[in-house]
N, C-alpha and C. Protein backbone atom coordinates (compact mmCIF):
# COMPACT_ATOMS: atom_id res chain seq x y z
N MET A 1 15.80 28.89 77.70
CA MET A 1 17.10 28.34 78.01
C MET A 1 16.87 26.99 78.70
N LYS A 2 17.63 26.02 78.33
CA LYS A 2 17.51 24.67 78.89
C LYS A 2 18.18 24.61 80.28
N THR A 3 17.51 24.02 81.22
CA THR A 3 18.06 23.88 82.57
C THR A 3 19.41 23.17 82.55
N LEU A 4 19.52 22.10 81.78
CA LEU A 4 20.77 21.33 81.77
C LEU A 4 21.93 22.07 81.10
N ALA A 5 21.65 23.24 80.49
CA ALA A 5 22.70 24.04 79.86
C ALA A 5 23.24 25.12 80.81
N LEU A 6 22.65 25.28 81.99
CA LEU A 6 23.11 26.30 82.93
C LEU A 6 24.54 26.01 83.38
N GLN A 7 25.30 27.09 83.59
CA GLN A 7 26.68 26.93 84.05
C GLN A 7 27.12 28.13 84.86
N GLY A 8 28.24 28.00 85.52
CA GLY A 8 28.86 29.09 86.26
C GLY A 8 27.95 29.72 87.30
N ASN A 9 28.08 31.05 87.44
CA ASN A 9 27.30 31.77 88.44
C ASN A 9 25.81 31.81 88.12
N LEU A 10 25.42 31.65 86.85
CA LEU A 10 23.99 31.60 86.55
C LEU A 10 23.38 30.34 87.16
N LEU A 11 24.09 29.24 87.09
CA LEU A 11 23.62 28.02 87.76
C LEU A 11 23.55 28.26 89.27
N ASN A 12 24.58 28.88 89.85
CA ASN A 12 24.57 29.18 91.28
C ASN A 12 23.36 30.03 91.66
N LEU A 13 23.04 31.04 90.83
CA LEU A 13 21.89 31.90 91.08
C LEU A 13 20.61 31.07 91.14
N PHE A 14 20.40 30.21 90.14
CA PHE A 14 19.17 29.44 90.12
C PHE A 14 19.12 28.38 91.22
N VAL A 15 20.26 27.89 91.67
CA VAL A 15 20.28 26.99 92.82
C VAL A 15 19.79 27.76 94.05
N ALA A 16 20.31 28.97 94.25
CA ALA A 16 19.88 29.78 95.40
C ALA A 16 18.38 30.08 95.32
N LEU A 17 17.88 30.40 94.14
CA LEU A 17 16.44 30.64 93.97
C LEU A 17 15.64 29.37 94.26
N ALA A 18 16.13 28.23 93.79
CA ALA A 18 15.45 26.96 94.03
C ALA A 18 15.42 26.61 95.52
N MET A 19 16.40 27.09 96.26
CA MET A 19 16.45 26.83 97.69
C MET A 19 15.65 27.86 98.49
N GLY A 20 14.97 28.75 97.78
CA GLY A 20 14.10 29.72 98.44
C GLY A 20 14.67 31.11 98.57
N GLY A 21 15.84 31.37 97.99
CA GLY A 21 16.45 32.69 98.07
C GLY A 21 15.61 33.76 97.40
N LYS A 22 15.64 34.97 97.98
CA LYS A 22 14.91 36.11 97.44
C LYS A 22 15.87 37.29 97.35
N GLU A 23 16.01 37.82 96.13
CA GLU A 23 16.89 38.97 95.94
C GLU A 23 16.42 40.13 96.81
N GLY A 24 17.36 40.80 97.44
CA GLY A 24 17.05 41.91 98.32
C GLY A 24 16.79 41.49 99.76
N GLU A 25 16.60 40.19 99.98
CA GLU A 25 16.42 39.68 101.34
C GLU A 25 17.66 38.89 101.75
N ASP A 26 17.84 37.71 101.16
CA ASP A 26 18.98 36.87 101.52
C ASP A 26 19.84 36.51 100.31
N LEU A 27 19.59 37.19 99.18
CA LEU A 27 20.30 36.87 97.94
C LEU A 27 20.77 38.15 97.27
N ARG A 28 22.08 38.21 96.97
CA ARG A 28 22.64 39.35 96.23
C ARG A 28 23.19 38.81 94.92
N VAL A 29 22.72 39.43 93.82
CA VAL A 29 23.10 39.00 92.48
C VAL A 29 23.80 40.16 91.79
N PRO A 30 25.13 40.09 91.65
CA PRO A 30 25.89 41.21 91.08
C PRO A 30 25.95 41.19 89.55
N PHE A 31 24.83 41.52 88.90
CA PHE A 31 24.82 41.48 87.44
C PHE A 31 25.84 42.45 86.83
N ASP A 32 26.26 43.47 87.59
CA ASP A 32 27.24 44.43 87.08
C ASP A 32 28.68 44.00 87.35
N GLU A 33 28.88 43.01 88.16
CA GLU A 33 30.22 42.46 88.48
C GLU A 33 30.09 40.95 88.59
N TRP A 34 29.70 40.31 87.50
CA TRP A 34 29.32 38.91 87.50
C TRP A 34 30.38 37.98 88.06
N ASP A 35 31.64 38.28 87.82
CA ASP A 35 32.71 37.40 88.29
C ASP A 35 32.90 37.46 89.81
N CYS A 36 32.22 38.39 90.49
CA CYS A 36 32.29 38.46 91.96
C CYS A 36 31.52 37.32 92.62
N GLY A 37 30.56 36.76 91.92
CA GLY A 37 29.81 35.63 92.46
C GLY A 37 28.53 36.02 93.17
N VAL A 38 27.72 35.02 93.44
CA VAL A 38 26.43 35.17 94.08
C VAL A 38 26.62 35.09 95.59
N VAL A 39 25.91 35.94 96.33
CA VAL A 39 25.93 35.89 97.79
C VAL A 39 24.55 35.46 98.25
N TYR A 40 24.51 34.37 99.02
CA TYR A 40 23.25 33.82 99.52
C TYR A 40 23.37 33.59 101.02
N GLU A 41 22.40 34.07 101.76
CA GLU A 41 22.39 33.97 103.22
C GLU A 41 23.68 34.50 103.84
N GLY A 42 24.18 35.61 103.28
CA GLY A 42 25.33 36.30 103.83
C GLY A 42 26.69 35.77 103.46
N ASP A 43 26.75 34.70 102.67
CA ASP A 43 28.03 34.10 102.30
C ASP A 43 28.14 33.95 100.79
N TYR A 44 29.39 33.97 100.30
CA TYR A 44 29.64 33.65 98.90
C TYR A 44 29.07 32.26 98.65
N PHE A 45 28.29 32.11 97.60
CA PHE A 45 27.55 30.87 97.36
C PHE A 45 28.05 30.20 96.09
N ASN A 46 28.72 29.07 96.25
CA ASN A 46 29.20 28.33 95.09
C ASN A 46 29.04 26.83 95.35
N PRO A 47 27.80 26.33 95.22
CA PRO A 47 27.56 24.92 95.48
C PRO A 47 28.27 23.98 94.52
N GLN A 48 28.77 24.51 93.40
CA GLN A 48 29.52 23.66 92.47
C GLN A 48 30.91 23.36 93.01
N ARG A 49 31.32 24.06 94.05
CA ARG A 49 32.62 23.83 94.67
C ARG A 49 32.50 23.38 96.13
N ASN A 50 31.33 23.63 96.75
CA ASN A 50 31.16 23.35 98.17
C ASN A 50 29.82 22.64 98.39
N VAL A 51 29.86 21.34 98.52
CA VAL A 51 28.63 20.54 98.65
C VAL A 51 27.84 20.92 99.91
N ALA A 52 28.50 21.47 100.92
CA ALA A 52 27.79 21.87 102.13
C ALA A 52 26.72 22.92 101.84
N ASP A 53 26.91 23.71 100.78
CA ASP A 53 25.92 24.73 100.42
C ASP A 53 24.57 24.12 100.06
N ILE A 54 24.56 22.88 99.57
CA ILE A 54 23.31 22.27 99.10
C ILE A 54 23.02 20.90 99.71
N TRP A 55 23.87 20.43 100.62
CA TRP A 55 23.74 19.06 101.09
C TRP A 55 22.35 18.76 101.66
N SER A 56 21.75 19.68 102.41
CA SER A 56 20.43 19.41 102.98
C SER A 56 19.39 19.20 101.87
N ALA A 57 19.50 19.94 100.78
CA ALA A 57 18.57 19.76 99.65
C ALA A 57 18.85 18.45 98.92
N VAL A 58 20.13 18.08 98.79
CA VAL A 58 20.49 16.81 98.15
C VAL A 58 19.85 15.65 98.91
N ILE A 59 19.93 15.68 100.23
CA ILE A 59 19.35 14.63 101.06
C ILE A 59 17.82 14.65 100.97
N ARG A 60 17.23 15.84 101.08
CA ARG A 60 15.77 15.97 101.04
C ARG A 60 15.20 15.43 99.73
N LEU A 61 15.88 15.74 98.61
CA LEU A 61 15.40 15.30 97.29
C LEU A 61 15.81 13.87 96.95
N ARG A 62 16.68 13.29 97.79
CA ARG A 62 17.19 11.93 97.56
C ARG A 62 17.94 11.82 96.23
N LEU A 63 18.71 12.86 95.93
CA LEU A 63 19.56 12.81 94.74
C LEU A 63 20.61 11.74 94.95
N SER A 64 20.99 11.09 93.87
CA SER A 64 22.03 10.07 94.00
C SER A 64 22.98 10.13 92.81
N THR A 65 24.17 9.62 93.04
CA THR A 65 25.17 9.54 91.98
C THR A 65 25.70 8.12 91.91
N GLN A 66 26.15 7.79 90.73
CA GLN A 66 26.77 6.48 90.51
C GLN A 66 27.92 6.70 89.55
N ASP A 67 29.04 6.08 89.84
CA ASP A 67 30.21 6.18 88.96
C ASP A 67 29.88 5.50 87.63
N ALA A 68 29.96 6.27 86.54
CA ALA A 68 29.67 5.73 85.21
C ALA A 68 30.94 5.28 84.51
N GLY A 69 32.09 5.50 85.14
CA GLY A 69 33.37 5.17 84.52
C GLY A 69 33.88 6.32 83.67
N ASN A 70 35.12 6.24 83.26
CA ASN A 70 35.74 7.27 82.41
C ASN A 70 35.62 8.67 82.98
N GLY A 71 35.61 8.79 84.31
CA GLY A 71 35.55 10.11 84.93
C GLY A 71 34.19 10.77 84.89
N HIS A 72 33.15 10.02 84.64
CA HIS A 72 31.80 10.58 84.58
C HIS A 72 30.91 9.96 85.65
N TRP A 73 29.85 10.69 85.99
CA TRP A 73 28.91 10.28 87.02
C TRP A 73 27.49 10.34 86.47
N ILE A 74 26.66 9.44 86.94
CA ILE A 74 25.23 9.46 86.61
C ILE A 74 24.50 10.03 87.82
N VAL A 75 23.74 11.09 87.59
CA VAL A 75 22.96 11.73 88.66
C VAL A 75 21.49 11.42 88.42
N THR A 76 20.80 11.01 89.48
CA THR A 76 19.37 10.71 89.37
C THR A 76 18.58 11.46 90.44
N LEU A 77 17.34 11.77 90.09
CA LEU A 77 16.40 12.44 90.98
C LEU A 77 15.11 11.63 90.92
N PRO A 78 14.70 11.00 92.03
CA PRO A 78 13.48 10.19 92.00
C PRO A 78 12.26 11.01 91.58
N GLN A 79 11.45 10.47 90.70
CA GLN A 79 10.25 11.16 90.20
C GLN A 79 9.33 11.56 91.35
N LYS A 80 9.22 10.74 92.37
CA LYS A 80 8.30 11.04 93.47
C LYS A 80 8.71 12.29 94.24
N MET A 81 9.93 12.77 94.06
CA MET A 81 10.39 13.97 94.75
C MET A 81 10.04 15.24 93.99
N LEU A 82 9.48 15.11 92.79
CA LEU A 82 9.14 16.26 91.96
C LEU A 82 7.68 16.65 92.14
N ASP A 83 7.41 17.93 91.97
CA ASP A 83 6.04 18.41 91.90
C ASP A 83 5.39 17.73 90.70
N SER A 84 4.13 17.41 90.79
CA SER A 84 3.46 16.67 89.71
C SER A 84 3.49 17.40 88.37
N GLU A 85 3.73 18.71 88.38
CA GLU A 85 3.74 19.48 87.14
C GLU A 85 5.13 19.58 86.52
N VAL A 86 6.15 19.09 87.20
CA VAL A 86 7.52 19.17 86.69
C VAL A 86 7.83 17.91 85.88
N VAL A 87 8.40 18.12 84.69
CA VAL A 87 8.81 17.01 83.83
C VAL A 87 9.89 16.20 84.54
N ALA A 88 9.86 14.89 84.38
CA ALA A 88 10.83 14.01 85.03
C ALA A 88 12.27 14.41 84.67
N PHE A 89 13.14 14.39 85.66
CA PHE A 89 14.56 14.67 85.45
C PHE A 89 15.17 13.46 84.75
N PRO A 90 15.84 13.67 83.62
CA PRO A 90 16.43 12.53 82.92
C PRO A 90 17.65 12.02 83.68
N THR A 91 17.95 10.75 83.56
CA THR A 91 19.21 10.26 84.10
C THR A 91 20.29 11.06 83.39
N PHE A 92 21.12 11.73 84.16
CA PHE A 92 22.04 12.73 83.62
C PHE A 92 23.48 12.30 83.87
N CYS A 93 24.28 12.27 82.83
CA CYS A 93 25.69 11.90 82.93
C CYS A 93 26.54 13.17 82.87
N CYS A 94 27.43 13.35 83.85
CA CYS A 94 28.25 14.56 83.89
C CYS A 94 29.63 14.23 84.46
N ALA A 95 30.57 15.12 84.22
CA ALA A 95 31.93 14.94 84.71
C ALA A 95 32.07 15.34 86.18
N ASP A 96 31.16 16.19 86.67
CA ASP A 96 31.25 16.69 88.04
C ASP A 96 29.94 16.43 88.77
N PRO A 97 29.94 15.54 89.76
CA PRO A 97 28.69 15.23 90.46
C PRO A 97 28.08 16.42 91.18
N LEU A 98 28.90 17.37 91.65
CA LEU A 98 28.34 18.55 92.32
C LEU A 98 27.52 19.39 91.34
N LYS A 99 28.03 19.55 90.13
CA LYS A 99 27.25 20.28 89.12
C LYS A 99 25.98 19.51 88.80
N GLY A 100 26.06 18.20 88.73
CA GLY A 100 24.87 17.38 88.50
C GLY A 100 23.83 17.56 89.59
N TYR A 101 24.28 17.60 90.85
CA TYR A 101 23.36 17.86 91.96
C TYR A 101 22.70 19.22 91.80
N CYS A 102 23.49 20.23 91.44
CA CYS A 102 22.95 21.58 91.27
C CYS A 102 21.89 21.61 90.17
N LEU A 103 22.17 20.98 89.04
CA LEU A 103 21.21 20.95 87.94
C LEU A 103 19.93 20.22 88.34
N ALA A 104 20.06 19.11 89.06
CA ALA A 104 18.88 18.37 89.51
C ALA A 104 18.06 19.20 90.50
N LEU A 105 18.72 19.92 91.38
CA LEU A 105 18.03 20.77 92.34
C LEU A 105 17.23 21.86 91.62
N VAL A 106 17.85 22.52 90.66
CA VAL A 106 17.15 23.55 89.88
C VAL A 106 15.98 22.92 89.13
N TRP A 107 16.21 21.77 88.50
CA TRP A 107 15.15 21.08 87.75
C TRP A 107 13.96 20.76 88.66
N SER A 108 14.23 20.37 89.91
CA SER A 108 13.16 19.98 90.83
C SER A 108 12.18 21.11 91.10
N VAL A 109 12.62 22.35 90.94
CA VAL A 109 11.77 23.51 91.18
C VAL A 109 11.28 24.14 89.89
N PHE A 110 12.17 24.30 88.91
CA PHE A 110 11.84 25.05 87.70
C PHE A 110 11.52 24.18 86.49
N GLY A 111 11.88 22.90 86.52
CA GLY A 111 11.63 22.03 85.38
C GLY A 111 12.73 22.13 84.34
N SER A 112 12.42 21.74 83.11
CA SER A 112 13.42 21.61 82.05
C SER A 112 13.79 22.91 81.35
N GLU A 113 12.97 23.94 81.50
CA GLU A 113 13.21 25.23 80.83
C GLU A 113 13.35 26.35 81.84
N MET A 114 14.30 27.22 81.58
CA MET A 114 14.52 28.38 82.43
C MET A 114 14.10 29.64 81.67
N PRO A 115 13.77 30.71 82.39
CA PRO A 115 13.41 31.95 81.70
C PRO A 115 14.62 32.54 80.97
N ASP A 116 14.37 33.28 79.91
CA ASP A 116 15.45 33.96 79.18
C ASP A 116 15.81 35.29 79.83
N GLU A 117 14.91 35.79 80.69
CA GLU A 117 15.14 37.05 81.40
C GLU A 117 14.69 36.88 82.84
N ILE A 118 15.22 37.75 83.70
CA ILE A 118 14.81 37.74 85.10
C ILE A 118 14.61 39.18 85.54
N GLU A 119 13.65 39.40 86.41
CA GLU A 119 13.41 40.73 86.96
C GLU A 119 14.25 40.88 88.23
N SER A 120 15.17 41.85 88.19
CA SER A 120 16.06 42.11 89.32
C SER A 120 15.60 43.38 90.03
N GLU A 121 15.63 43.37 91.36
CA GLU A 121 15.29 44.56 92.12
C GLU A 121 16.18 45.74 91.75
N ARG A 122 17.44 45.48 91.59
CA ARG A 122 18.41 46.55 91.36
C ARG A 122 18.61 46.88 89.89
N PHE A 123 18.51 45.89 89.00
CA PHE A 123 18.88 46.09 87.60
C PHE A 123 17.70 46.03 86.64
N GLY A 124 16.50 45.81 87.13
CA GLY A 124 15.34 45.72 86.25
C GLY A 124 15.31 44.40 85.50
N GLN A 125 14.81 44.46 84.26
CA GLN A 125 14.72 43.25 83.43
C GLN A 125 16.11 42.92 82.89
N VAL A 126 16.61 41.73 83.21
CA VAL A 126 17.97 41.34 82.83
C VAL A 126 17.91 40.13 81.89
N PRO A 127 18.43 40.27 80.65
CA PRO A 127 18.53 39.11 79.75
C PRO A 127 19.65 38.20 80.27
N LEU A 128 19.38 36.91 80.32
CA LEU A 128 20.31 35.99 80.99
C LEU A 128 21.32 35.30 80.09
N ALA A 129 21.10 35.28 78.79
CA ALA A 129 21.97 34.50 77.89
C ALA A 129 23.45 34.84 78.07
N GLN A 130 23.79 36.13 78.16
CA GLN A 130 25.21 36.49 78.25
C GLN A 130 25.82 36.15 79.61
N TYR A 131 24.99 35.83 80.61
CA TYR A 131 25.50 35.43 81.92
C TYR A 131 25.71 33.93 82.05
N ASN A 132 25.26 33.19 81.07
CA ASN A 132 25.40 31.73 81.12
C ASN A 132 26.77 31.33 80.59
N VAL A 133 27.79 31.66 81.37
CA VAL A 133 29.18 31.37 81.00
C VAL A 133 29.86 30.64 82.15
N ASP A 134 30.90 29.91 81.82
CA ASP A 134 31.66 29.22 82.86
C ASP A 134 32.39 30.26 83.71
N PHE A 135 32.92 29.85 84.83
CA PHE A 135 33.52 30.77 85.78
C PHE A 135 34.67 31.59 85.22
N ASP A 136 35.42 31.07 84.27
CA ASP A 136 36.59 31.79 83.76
C ASP A 136 36.31 32.58 82.49
N GLU A 137 35.05 32.69 82.07
CA GLU A 137 34.71 33.44 80.87
C GLU A 137 34.17 34.82 81.24
N PRO A 138 34.60 35.87 80.52
CA PRO A 138 34.16 37.23 80.86
C PRO A 138 32.73 37.53 80.38
N VAL A 139 32.12 38.51 81.04
CA VAL A 139 30.80 39.03 80.65
C VAL A 139 30.97 40.50 80.34
N ASP A 140 30.38 40.97 79.24
CA ASP A 140 30.42 42.38 78.86
C ASP A 140 29.32 43.10 79.65
N TYR A 141 29.68 43.63 80.83
CA TYR A 141 28.68 44.21 81.74
C TYR A 141 27.86 45.33 81.13
N PRO A 142 28.47 46.35 80.48
CA PRO A 142 27.64 47.43 79.94
C PRO A 142 26.58 46.93 78.95
N ALA A 143 26.91 45.91 78.19
CA ALA A 143 25.94 45.38 77.23
C ALA A 143 24.90 44.52 77.94
N ALA A 144 25.24 44.02 79.12
CA ALA A 144 24.34 43.10 79.82
C ALA A 144 23.27 43.84 80.62
N VAL A 145 23.68 44.84 81.39
CA VAL A 145 22.71 45.58 82.22
C VAL A 145 23.00 47.06 82.16
N ALA A 146 21.96 47.84 82.38
CA ALA A 146 22.12 49.29 82.52
C ALA A 146 22.34 49.57 83.99
N VAL A 147 23.52 50.03 84.34
CA VAL A 147 23.86 50.25 85.74
C VAL A 147 23.47 51.64 86.17
């Protein structure tokens, strides 16, 4: 799965993981009730709506935005802020700078490709494709995980 294709709560999950979150410690991932959202460090975590959730990482990574016109933003991540093994983050044009920050943050840790499955403490091996939906799109929970 391409990092730049992440959306909704799946993007929020990978942002929390990129910030050091660990399921069962400070991260709760409700694969059986996906629309409930991700809980990180004891709070509902939605950095796509609340920049305070990621602002320290935005500053640390020196992420920047520039108005591209027509309601779009260009998000950049300096190459020197990446691990030497991570592919350079492309100059990315998006309609929402917060989502751009989230994608750049995930890219800084995981690179351009994301796993197709994740090992969950509670749900075992979870295929991620059906969870990569926008916030208002439903997920078929029984088909997604064995509860």
